Amino acid sequence: MFSVIVQNQNEKYEKQQLESSRIETELTMASSIQADMLPNIYPAFPERSEFDIFASMDPAKEVGGDFYDFFLVDDDHLCLIMADVSGKGVPAALFMMASMIILANNAMLGKSPAQILTDTNDSICLNNREEMFVTVWLGILELSTGHLVAANAGHEYPVIRSADGQFELLKDKHGFVIGGMEGVKYKQYELDLKPGSKLFVYTDGVPEATDAKKTLFGTDRMLSALNQDPGAMPETILKNVRNSVDEFVGEAEQFDDLTMLCVQYNGTVKKDKQ
């Protein structure tokens, strides 16, 4: 009788191990799929001299809800997206991929940032029984002029660095989160980037990173990290912030996804007349 009980327990344990291994394999694959969805080849546009861009996403779990995106809408307009889905894990990752596709599809139709967010919200609210939502900052940069049009759906404030200046928070007006309520109309704002200007956007995993004492990294430390070397290229800017976060957090566990994007506007190069 005892041997039968032991055998049953061993079989149960083996099944649990197999199931655990299967889940781990699927999560690893899901993480790879999610990473492949995001732009991750740099330099991203080696043929374009008007700008330099770099972004990164480090999920707190195998898969996360943060995402960024950047792509050319046409030859003269670069779309920039930074977003953060409510929740974590697989549900957030699925919602993230759907949101990313809907935003990009609307942007490629040549719509304004406000209209992109408005139409994306309408689409998501049609089938959102789980009542998930996503915060989004979206901007469209005109490469020939540096003119930026942007809209904010409940996301973190962007950070701007003027040419030869320091990084500073741009306290833009927030609209409601995407997926939170039907019929929301979003507003947009405009600003002009001069050659040498930079834009930094991020998710709350940066300022809300916590150390072992539950102290937040905070916006002030983030700005200090950005201004360690404000004239550096976007990749170095992101590394400086990440190093500062890691040094501050120490051995404490990462509880939230950490996602950042930095773009430097270089302006257009005038060709010599023949």
C-alpha atoms as a PDB file:
ATOM      1  CA  MET A   1       0.000   0.000   0.000  1.00  0.00           C
ATOM      2  CA  PHE A   2       2.807   2.385   0.955  1.00  0.00           C
ATOM      3  CA  SER A   3       4.647   1.697  -2.320  1.00  0.00           C
ATOM      4  CA  VAL A   4       1.509   2.515  -4.314  1.00  0.00           C
ATOM      5  CA  ILE A   5       1.170   5.852  -2.512  1.00  0.00           C
ATOM      6  CA  VAL A   6       4.825   6.685  -3.174  1.00  0.00           C
ATOM      7  CA  GLN A   7       4.438   5.731  -6.837  1.00  0.00           C
ATOM      8  CA  ASN A   8       1.353   7.942  -7.189  1.00  0.00           C
ATOM      9  CA  GLN A   9       3.162  10.846  -5.561  1.00  0.00           C
ATOM     10  CA  ASN A  10       6.132  10.398  -7.897  1.00  0.00           C
ATOM     11  CA  GLU A  11       3.863  10.330 -10.947  1.00  0.00           C
ATOM     12  CA  LYS A  12       2.071  13.458  -9.731  1.00  0.00           C
ATOM     13  CA  TYR A  13       5.399  15.206  -9.167  1.00  0.00           C
ATOM     14  CA  GLU A  14       6.636  14.246 -12.646  1.00  0.00           C
ATOM     15  CA  LYS A  15       3.439  15.600 -14.226  1.00  0.00           C
ATOM     16  CA  GLN A  16       3.843  18.855 -12.327  1.00  0.00           C
ATOM     17  CA  GLN A  17       7.451  19.127 -13.472  1.00  0.00           C
ATOM     18  CA  LEU A  18       6.467  18.510 -17.095  1.00  0.00           C
ATOM     19  CA  GLU A  19       3.681  21.085 -16.867  1.00  0.00           C
ATOM     20  CA  SER A  20       6.024  23.609 -15.265  1.00  0.00           C
ATOM     21  CA  SER A  21       8.597  22.988 -17.997  1.00  0.00           C
ATOM     22  CA  ARG A  22       5.936  23.417 -20.696  1.00  0.00           C
ATOM     23  CA  ILE A  23       4.753  26.716 -19.229  1.00  0.00           C
ATOM     24  CA  GLU A  24       8.332  27.981 -18.922  1.00  0.00           C
ATOM     25  CA  THR A  25       9.026  27.064 -22.561  1.00  0.00           C
ATOM     26  CA  GLU A  26       5.871  28.834 -23.741  1.00  0.00           C
ATOM     27  CA  LEU A  27       6.673  31.955 -21.707  1.00  0.00           C
ATOM     28  CA  THR A  28      10.183  32.031 -23.151  1.00  0.00           C
ATOM     29  CA  MET A  29       8.737  31.789 -26.651  1.00  0.00           C
ATOM     30  CA  ALA A  30       6.154  34.482 -25.862  1.00  0.00           C
ATOM     31  CA  SER A  31       8.945  36.745 -24.608  1.00  0.00           C
ATOM     32  CA  SER A  32      10.861  36.229 -27.865  1.00  0.00           C
ATOM     33  CA  ILE A  33       7.766  36.958 -29.951  1.00  0.00           C
ATOM     34  CA  GLN A  34       7.087  40.126 -27.962  1.00  0.00           C
ATOM     35  CA  ALA A  35      10.693  41.311 -28.322  1.00  0.00           C
ATOM     36  CA  ASP A  36      10.533  40.673 -32.082  1.00  0.00           C
ATOM     37  CA  MET A  37       7.428  42.888 -32.298  1.00  0.00           C
ATOM     38  CA  LEU A  38       9.440  45.903 -31.159  1.00  0.00           C
ATOM     39  CA  PRO A  39      11.975  47.703 -33.355  1.00  0.00           C
ATOM     40  CA  ASN A  40      15.313  46.303 -32.208  1.00  0.00           C
ATOM     41  CA  ILE A  41      17.808  46.677 -35.061  1.00  0.00           C
ATOM     42  CA  TYR A  42      20.238  49.604 -34.720  1.00  0.00           C
ATOM     43  CA  PRO A  43      21.063  51.895 -36.309  1.00  0.00           C
ATOM     44  CA  ALA A  44      17.359  51.889 -37.115  1.00  0.00           C
ATOM     45  CA  PHE A  45      17.498  54.068 -40.236  1.00  0.00           C
ATOM     46  CA  PRO A  46      21.142  54.203 -41.320  1.00  0.00           C
ATOM     47  CA  GLU A  47      20.205  55.958 -44.557  1.00  0.00           C
ATOM     48  CA  ARG A  48      18.553  58.864 -42.730  1.00  0.00           C
ATOM     49  CA  SER A  49      20.763  61.636 -41.342  1.00  0.00           C
ATOM     50  CA  GLU A  50      17.932  63.819 -39.999  1.00  0.00           C
ATOM     51  CA  PHE A  51      17.671  61.909 -36.724  1.00  0.00           C
ATOM     52  CA  ASP A  52      19.184  59.262 -34.460  1.00  0.00           C
ATOM     53  CA  ILE A  53      17.007  57.022 -32.303  1.00  0.00           C
ATOM     54  CA  PHE A  54      17.371  54.271 -29.718  1.00  0.00           C
ATOM     55  CA  ALA A  55      14.878  52.442 -27.489  1.00  0.00           C
ATOM     56  CA  SER A  56      14.821  49.570 -25.000  1.00  0.00           C
ATOM     57  CA  MET A  57      12.285  47.498 -23.068  1.00  0.00           C
ATOM     58  CA  ASP A  58      13.152  45.313 -20.072  1.00  0.00           C
ATOM     59  CA  PRO A  59      10.081  43.436 -18.756  1.00  0.00           C
ATOM     60  CA  ALA A  60       9.719  42.722 -15.044  1.00  0.00           C
ATOM     61  CA  LYS A  61       8.417  39.246 -15.890  1.00  0.00           C
ATOM     62  CA  GLU A  62       8.941  36.956 -18.888  1.00  0.00           C
ATOM     63  CA  VAL A  63       6.489  39.101 -20.852  1.00  0.00           C
ATOM     64  CA  GLY A  64       5.249  42.584 -20.106  1.00  0.00           C
ATOM     65  CA  GLY A  65       2.748  45.270 -21.016  1.00  0.00           C
ATOM     66  CA  ASP A  66       5.070  48.124 -21.953  1.00  0.00           C
ATOM     67  CA  PHE A  67       5.835  48.828 -25.566  1.00  0.00           C
ATOM     68  CA  TYR A  68       7.430  51.390 -27.803  1.00  0.00           C
ATOM     69  CA  ASP A  69       7.320  51.805 -31.544  1.00  0.00           C
ATOM     70  CA  PHE A  70       8.807  54.058 -34.193  1.00  0.00           C
ATOM     71  CA  PHE A  71       8.372  53.999 -37.957  1.00  0.00           C
ATOM     72  CA  LEU A  72       8.247  56.268 -40.987  1.00  0.00           C
ATOM     73  CA  VAL A  73       4.684  57.180 -41.941  1.00  0.00           C
ATOM     74  CA  ASP A  74       6.068  58.623 -45.171  1.00  0.00           C
ATOM     75  CA  ASP A  75       9.412  59.979 -46.324  1.00  0.00           C
ATOM     76  CA  ASP A  76       9.117  63.087 -44.138  1.00  0.00           C
ATOM     77  CA  HIS A  77       7.232  61.966 -41.015  1.00  0.00           C
ATOM     78  CA  LEU A  78       8.471  59.764 -38.168  1.00  0.00           C
ATOM     79  CA  CYS A  79       5.898  58.319 -35.770  1.00  0.00           C
ATOM     80  CA  LEU A  80       7.010  57.769 -32.147  1.00  0.00           C
ATOM     81  CA  ILE A  81       5.013  55.749 -29.604  1.00  0.00           C
ATOM     82  CA  MET A  82       5.546  54.973 -25.914  1.00  0.00           C
ATOM     83  CA  ALA A  83       2.858  53.000 -24.070  1.00  0.00           C
ATOM     84  CA  ASP A  84       2.110  51.111 -20.868  1.00  0.00           C
ATOM     85  CA  VAL A  85      -0.675  48.514 -20.544  1.00  0.00           C
ATOM     86  CA  SER A  86      -2.462  47.964 -17.234  1.00  0.00           C
ATOM     87  CA  GLY A  87      -1.471  44.745 -15.504  1.00  0.00           C
ATOM     88  CA  LYS A  88       1.437  42.400 -16.151  1.00  0.00           C
ATOM     89  CA  GLY A  89       2.203  38.992 -17.573  1.00  0.00           C
ATOM     90  CA  VAL A  90       0.518  37.229 -20.484  1.00  0.00           C
ATOM     91  CA  PRO A  91      -2.801  39.178 -20.453  1.00  0.00           C
ATOM     92  CA  ALA A  92      -0.919  42.491 -20.599  1.00  0.00           C
ATOM     93  CA  ALA A  93       1.344  41.167 -23.370  1.00  0.00           C
ATOM     94  CA  LEU A  94      -1.641  40.123 -25.496  1.00  0.00           C
ATOM     95  CA  PHE A  95      -3.342  43.481 -24.969  1.00  0.00           C
ATOM     96  CA  MET A  96      -0.034  45.198 -25.730  1.00  0.00           C
ATOM     97  CA  MET A  97       0.321  43.507 -29.118  1.00  0.00           C
ATOM     98  CA  ALA A  98      -3.260  44.301 -30.124  1.00  0.00           C
ATOM     99  CA  SER A  99      -2.865  47.954 -29.052  1.00  0.00           C
ATOM    100  CA  MET A 100       0.442  48.301 -30.880  1.00  0.00           C
ATOM    101  CA  ILE A 101      -1.039  47.023 -34.146  1.00  0.00           C
ATOM    102  CA  ILE A 102      -4.140  49.240 -33.928  1.00  0.00           C
ATOM    103  CA  LEU A 103      -2.057  52.357 -33.195  1.00  0.00           C
ATOM    104  CA  ALA A 104       0.333  51.664 -36.081  1.00  0.00           C
ATOM    105  CA  ASN A 105      -2.470  50.939 -38.539  1.00  0.00           C
ATOM    106  CA  ASN A 106      -4.162  54.236 -37.692  1.00  0.00           C
ATOM    107  CA  ALA A 107      -0.886  56.161 -37.921  1.00  0.00           C
ATOM    108  CA  MET A 108      -0.077  54.737 -41.358  1.00  0.00           C
ATOM    109  CA  LEU A 109      -3.335  56.194 -42.658  1.00  0.00           C
ATOM    110  CA  GLY A 110      -1.800  59.644 -42.227  1.00  0.00           C
ATOM    111  CA  LYS A 111      -4.007  60.736 -39.323  1.00  0.00           C
ATOM    112  CA  SER A 112      -3.059  63.347 -36.747  1.00  0.00           C
ATOM    113  CA  PRO A 113      -1.865  62.151 -33.299  1.00  0.00           C
ATOM    114  CA  ALA A 114      -5.152  63.212 -31.684  1.00  0.00           C
ATOM    115  CA  GLN A 115      -7.177  61.322 -34.279  1.00  0.00           C
ATOM    116  CA  ILE A 116      -4.955  58.242 -33.976  1.00  0.00           C
ATOM    117  CA  LEU A 117      -5.618  58.077 -30.228  1.00  0.00           C
ATOM    118  CA  THR A 118      -9.336  58.810 -30.666  1.00  0.00           C
ATOM    119  CA  ASP A 119      -9.827  56.072 -33.270  1.00  0.00           C
ATOM    120  CA  THR A 120      -7.641  53.586 -31.377  1.00  0.00           C
ATOM    121  CA  ASN A 121      -9.684  54.165 -28.234  1.00  0.00           C
ATOM    122  CA  ASP A 122     -12.929  53.598 -30.154  1.00  0.00           C
ATOM    123  CA  SER A 123     -11.598  50.331 -31.608  1.00  0.00           C
ATOM    124  CA  ILE A 124     -10.356  48.983 -28.273  1.00  0.00           C
ATOM    125  CA  CYS A 125     -13.515  49.938 -26.388  1.00  0.00           C
ATOM    126  CA  LEU A 126     -15.638  47.898 -28.819  1.00  0.00           C
ATOM    127  CA  ASN A 127     -14.213  44.622 -27.486  1.00  0.00           C
ATOM    128  CA  ASN A 128     -12.769  45.179 -24.041  1.00  0.00           C
ATOM    129  CA  ARG A 129     -14.771  43.026 -21.654  1.00  0.00           C
ATOM    130  CA  GLU A 130     -11.723  42.608 -19.430  1.00  0.00           C
ATOM    131  CA  GLU A 131     -11.687  46.421 -19.010  1.00  0.00           C
ATOM    132  CA  MET A 132      -7.948  46.721 -19.578  1.00  0.00           C
ATOM    133  CA  PHE A 133      -6.427  50.025 -20.622  1.00  0.00           C
ATOM    134  CA  VAL A 134      -3.201  51.468 -21.978  1.00  0.00           C
ATOM    135  CA  THR A 135      -1.516  54.830 -21.477  1.00  0.00           C
ATOM    136  CA  VAL A 136       0.028  56.230 -24.669  1.00  0.00           C
ATOM    137  CA  TRP A 137       2.265  59.105 -25.693  1.00  0.00           C
ATOM    138  CA  LEU A 138       2.333  59.475 -29.476  1.00  0.00           C
ATOM    139  CA  GLY A 139       4.161  62.029 -31.575  1.00  0.00           C
ATOM    140  CA  ILE A 140       4.735  62.609 -35.263  1.00  0.00           C
ATOM    141  CA  LEU A 141       7.973  64.419 -36.143  1.00  0.00           C
ATOM    142  CA  GLU A 142       8.294  66.237 -39.461  1.00  0.00           C
ATOM    143  CA  LEU A 143      11.885  65.503 -40.412  1.00  0.00           C
ATOM    144  CA  SER A 144      12.367  68.400 -42.820  1.00  0.00           C
ATOM    145  CA  THR A 145      11.465  71.031 -40.206  1.00  0.00           C
ATOM    146  CA  GLY A 146      11.677  69.464 -36.727  1.00  0.00           C
ATOM    147  CA  HIS A 147       8.005  70.234 -36.141  1.00  0.00           C
ATOM    148  CA  LEU A 148       6.512  67.775 -33.645  1.00  0.00           C
ATOM    149  CA  VAL A 149       2.797  67.162 -33.146  1.00  0.00           C
ATOM    150  CA  ALA A 150       1.950  64.980 -30.140  1.00  0.00           C
ATOM    151  CA  ALA A 151      -0.905  63.730 -27.969  1.00  0.00           C
ATOM    152  CA  ASN A 152      -0.903  62.143 -24.533  1.00  0.00           C
ATOM    153  CA  ALA A 153      -3.424  59.555 -23.306  1.00  0.00           C
ATOM    154  CA  GLY A 154      -2.693  59.443 -19.577  1.00  0.00           C
ATOM    155  CA  HIS A 155       1.013  58.720 -20.008  1.00  0.00           C
ATOM    156  CA  GLU A 156       4.122  60.069 -18.271  1.00  0.00           C
ATOM    157  CA  TYR A 157       5.374  63.556 -19.152  1.00  0.00           C
ATOM    158  CA  PRO A 158       7.893  63.579 -22.014  1.00  0.00           C
ATOM    159  CA  VAL A 159      11.332  65.103 -21.471  1.00  0.00           C
ATOM    160  CA  ILE A 160      12.823  67.617 -23.919  1.00  0.00           C
ATOM    161  CA  ARG A 161      16.370  68.818 -24.340  1.00  0.00           C
ATOM    162  CA  SER A 162      16.876  71.956 -26.407  1.00  0.00           C
ATOM    163  CA  ALA A 163      20.046  72.194 -28.484  1.00  0.00           C
ATOM    164  CA  ASP A 164      23.028  72.730 -26.134  1.00  0.00           C
ATOM    165  CA  GLY A 165      20.641  72.753 -23.160  1.00  0.00           C
ATOM    166  CA  GLN A 166      19.531  70.440 -20.355  1.00  0.00           C
ATOM    167  CA  PHE A 167      16.789  67.821 -20.261  1.00  0.00           C
ATOM    168  CA  GLU A 168      13.578  69.224 -18.763  1.00  0.00           C
ATOM    169  CA  LEU A 169      10.096  67.808 -18.189  1.00  0.00           C
ATOM    170  CA  LEU A 170       7.453  68.985 -20.636  1.00  0.00           C
ATOM    171  CA  LYS A 171       4.241  69.021 -18.614  1.00  0.00           C
ATOM    172  CA  ASP A 172       1.874  68.399 -21.480  1.00  0.00           C
ATOM    173  CA  LYS A 173      -1.890  68.056 -21.090  1.00  0.00           C
ATOM    174  CA  HIS A 174      -3.074  64.495 -20.474  1.00  0.00           C
ATOM    175  CA  GLY A 175      -6.128  62.935 -22.036  1.00  0.00           C
ATOM    176  CA  PHE A 176      -7.877  59.859 -20.647  1.00  0.00           C
ATOM    177  CA  VAL A 177      -6.290  56.402 -20.942  1.00  0.00           C
ATOM    178  CA  ILE A 178      -6.985  54.337 -24.080  1.00  0.00           C
ATOM    179  CA  GLY A 179      -9.661  51.708 -23.452  1.00  0.00           C
ATOM    180  CA  GLY A 180     -10.974  53.396 -20.321  1.00  0.00           C
ATOM    181  CA  MET A 181     -14.116  55.013 -21.729  1.00  0.00           C
ATOM    182  CA  GLU A 182     -15.943  55.172 -25.039  1.00  0.00           C
ATOM    183  CA  GLY A 183     -16.213  58.358 -27.064  1.00  0.00           C
ATOM    184  CA  VAL A 184     -13.156  60.174 -25.718  1.00  0.00           C
ATOM    185  CA  LYS A 185     -11.814  62.913 -27.996  1.00  0.00           C
ATOM    186  CA  TYR A 186      -8.091  63.557 -27.646  1.00  0.00           C
ATOM    187  CA  LYS A 187      -6.264  66.845 -28.115  1.00  0.00           C
ATOM    188  CA  GLN A 188      -2.782  67.443 -29.459  1.00  0.00           C
ATOM    189  CA  TYR A 189      -0.056  70.033 -29.068  1.00  0.00           C
ATOM    190  CA  GLU A 190       2.865  71.209 -31.181  1.00  0.00           C
ATOM    191  CA  LEU A 191       6.478  72.178 -30.649  1.00  0.00           C
ATOM    192  CA  ASP A 192       9.568  72.664 -32.772  1.00  0.00           C
ATOM    193  CA  LEU A 193      12.809  70.742 -32.332  1.00  0.00           C
ATOM    194  CA  LYS A 194      15.984  72.481 -33.445  1.00  0.00           C
ATOM    195  CA  PRO A 195      19.041  70.568 -34.684  1.00  0.00           C
ATOM    196  CA  GLY A 196      20.648  69.001 -31.613  1.00  0.00           C
ATOM    197  CA  SER A 197      17.380  68.787 -29.665  1.00  0.00           C
ATOM    198  CA  LYS A 198      16.395  65.511 -28.013  1.00  0.00           C
ATOM    199  CA  LEU A 199      13.151  63.911 -26.912  1.00  0.00           C
ATOM    200  CA  PHE A 200      13.047  61.258 -24.166  1.00  0.00           C
ATOM    201  CA  VAL A 201       9.896  59.253 -23.428  1.00  0.00           C
ATOM    202  CA  TYR A 202       9.537  56.390 -20.952  1.00  0.00           C
ATOM    203  CA  THR A 203       7.117  54.365 -18.852  1.00  0.00           C
ATOM    204  CA  ASP A 204       6.504  54.682 -15.122  1.00  0.00           C
ATOM    205  CA  GLY A 205       8.874  51.786 -14.489  1.00  0.00           C
ATOM    206  CA  VAL A 206      11.695  54.348 -14.592  1.00  0.00           C
ATOM    207  CA  PRO A 207      10.608  56.931 -11.980  1.00  0.00           C
ATOM    208  CA  GLU A 208       8.806  54.280  -9.910  1.00  0.00           C
ATOM    209  CA  ALA A 209      11.760  51.892  -9.661  1.00  0.00           C
ATOM    210  CA  THR A 210      12.241  51.206  -5.937  1.00  0.00           C
ATOM    211  CA  ASP A 211      15.153  50.247  -3.742  1.00  0.00           C
ATOM    212  CA  ALA A 212      15.122  47.845  -0.791  1.00  0.00           C
ATOM    213  CA  LYS A 213      13.756  50.633   1.452  1.00  0.00           C
ATOM    214  CA  LYS A 214      10.786  51.138  -0.918  1.00  0.00           C
ATOM    215  CA  THR A 215      12.111  54.559  -1.944  1.00  0.00           C
ATOM    216  CA  LEU A 216      11.190  55.624  -5.471  1.00  0.00           C
ATOM    217  CA  PHE A 217      13.875  56.489  -8.020  1.00  0.00           C
ATOM    218  CA  GLY A 218      11.752  59.507  -8.917  1.00  0.00           C
ATOM    219  CA  THR A 219      11.663  62.086 -11.673  1.00  0.00           C
ATOM    220  CA  ASP A 220      14.467  64.230 -10.212  1.00  0.00           C
ATOM    221  CA  ARG A 221      16.947  61.337 -10.260  1.00  0.00           C
ATOM    222  CA  MET A 222      15.819  60.491 -13.788  1.00  0.00           C
ATOM    223  CA  LEU A 223      16.528  64.059 -14.933  1.00  0.00           C
ATOM    224  CA  SER A 224      19.914  63.988 -13.205  1.00  0.00           C
ATOM    225  CA  ALA A 225      20.777  60.777 -15.048  1.00  0.00           C
ATOM    226  CA  LEU A 226      19.689  62.286 -18.356  1.00  0.00           C
ATOM    227  CA  ASN A 227      21.814  65.358 -17.703  1.00  0.00           C
ATOM    228  CA  GLN A 228      24.977  63.414 -16.856  1.00  0.00           C
ATOM    229  CA  ASP A 229      25.879  63.816 -20.507  1.00  0.00           C
ATOM    230  CA  PRO A 230      22.979  65.562 -22.293  1.00  0.00           C
ATOM    231  CA  GLY A 231      24.912  65.899 -25.526  1.00  0.00           C
ATOM    232  CA  ALA A 232      25.507  62.135 -25.836  1.00  0.00           C
ATOM    233  CA  MET A 233      23.882  60.000 -28.505  1.00  0.00           C
ATOM    234  CA  PRO A 234      20.489  58.394 -27.694  1.00  0.00           C
ATOM    235  CA  GLU A 235      21.938  54.953 -26.957  1.00  0.00           C
ATOM    236  CA  THR A 236      24.327  56.413 -24.374  1.00  0.00           C
ATOM    237  CA  ILE A 237      21.533  58.518 -22.871  1.00  0.00           C
ATOM    238  CA  LEU A 238      19.488  55.371 -22.235  1.00  0.00           C
ATOM    239  CA  LYS A 239      22.482  53.520 -20.810  1.00  0.00           C
ATOM    240  CA  ASN A 240      23.129  56.377 -18.380  1.00  0.00           C
ATOM    241  CA  VAL A 241      19.550  56.242 -17.128  1.00  0.00           C
ATOM    242  CA  ARG A 242      19.551  52.451 -16.842  1.00  0.00           C
ATOM    243  CA  ASN A 243      22.867  52.452 -14.967  1.00  0.00           C
ATOM    244  CA  SER A 244      21.524  55.054 -12.545  1.00  0.00           C
ATOM    245  CA  VAL A 245      18.356  53.023 -11.962  1.00  0.00           C
ATOM    246  CA  ASP A 246      20.335  49.819 -11.399  1.00  0.00           C
ATOM    247  CA  GLU A 247      22.723  51.535  -8.994  1.00  0.00           C
ATOM    248  CA  PHE A 248      19.797  53.016  -7.048  1.00  0.00           C
ATOM    249  CA  VAL A 249      17.718  49.831  -6.918  1.00  0.00           C
ATOM    250  CA  GLY A 250      20.627  47.595  -5.960  1.00  0.00           C
ATOM    251  CA  GLU A 251      19.535  44.052  -5.137  1.00  0.00           C
ATOM    252  CA  ALA A 252      15.823  44.921  -4.930  1.00  0.00           C
ATOM    253  CA  GLU A 253      13.496  43.069  -7.315  1.00  0.00           C
ATOM    254  CA  GLN A 254      12.291  44.816 -10.470  1.00  0.00           C
ATOM    255  CA  PHE A 255       8.510  45.077 -10.076  1.00  0.00           C
ATOM    256  CA  ASP A 256       7.623  46.926 -13.273  1.00  0.00           C
ATOM    257  CA  ASP A 257       8.636  46.949 -16.910  1.00  0.00           C
ATOM    258  CA  LEU A 258      11.305  49.523 -17.719  1.00  0.00           C
ATOM    259  CA  THR A 259      10.978  51.058 -21.165  1.00  0.00           C
ATOM    260  CA  MET A 260      12.673  54.107 -22.706  1.00  0.00           C
ATOM    261  CA  LEU A 261      13.102  55.840 -26.062  1.00  0.00           C
ATOM    262  CA  CYS A 262      15.312  58.744 -27.035  1.00  0.00           C
ATOM    263  CA  VAL A 263      15.430  60.523 -30.389  1.00  0.00           C
ATOM    264  CA  GLN A 264      17.841  63.243 -31.424  1.00  0.00           C
ATOM    265  CA  TYR A 265      16.811  65.625 -34.192  1.00  0.00           C
ATOM    266  CA  ASN A 266      19.768  66.505 -36.402  1.00  0.00           C
ATOM    267  CA  GLY A 267      17.991  68.606 -39.007  1.00  0.00           C
ATOM    268  CA  THR A 268      18.416  68.377 -42.733  1.00  0.00           C
ATOM    269  CA  VAL A 269      21.762  68.687 -44.443  1.00  0.00           C
ATOM    270  CA  LYS A 270      21.744  71.246 -47.227  1.00  0.00           C
ATOM    271  CA  LYS A 271      23.296  69.930 -50.415  1.00  0.00           C
ATOM    272  CA  ASP A 272      25.887  72.085 -52.164  1.00  0.00           C
ATOM    273  CA  LYS A 273      24.791  73.544 -55.467  1.00  0.00           C
ATOM    274  CA  GLN A 274      26.568  72.091 -58.444  1.00  0.00           C
END
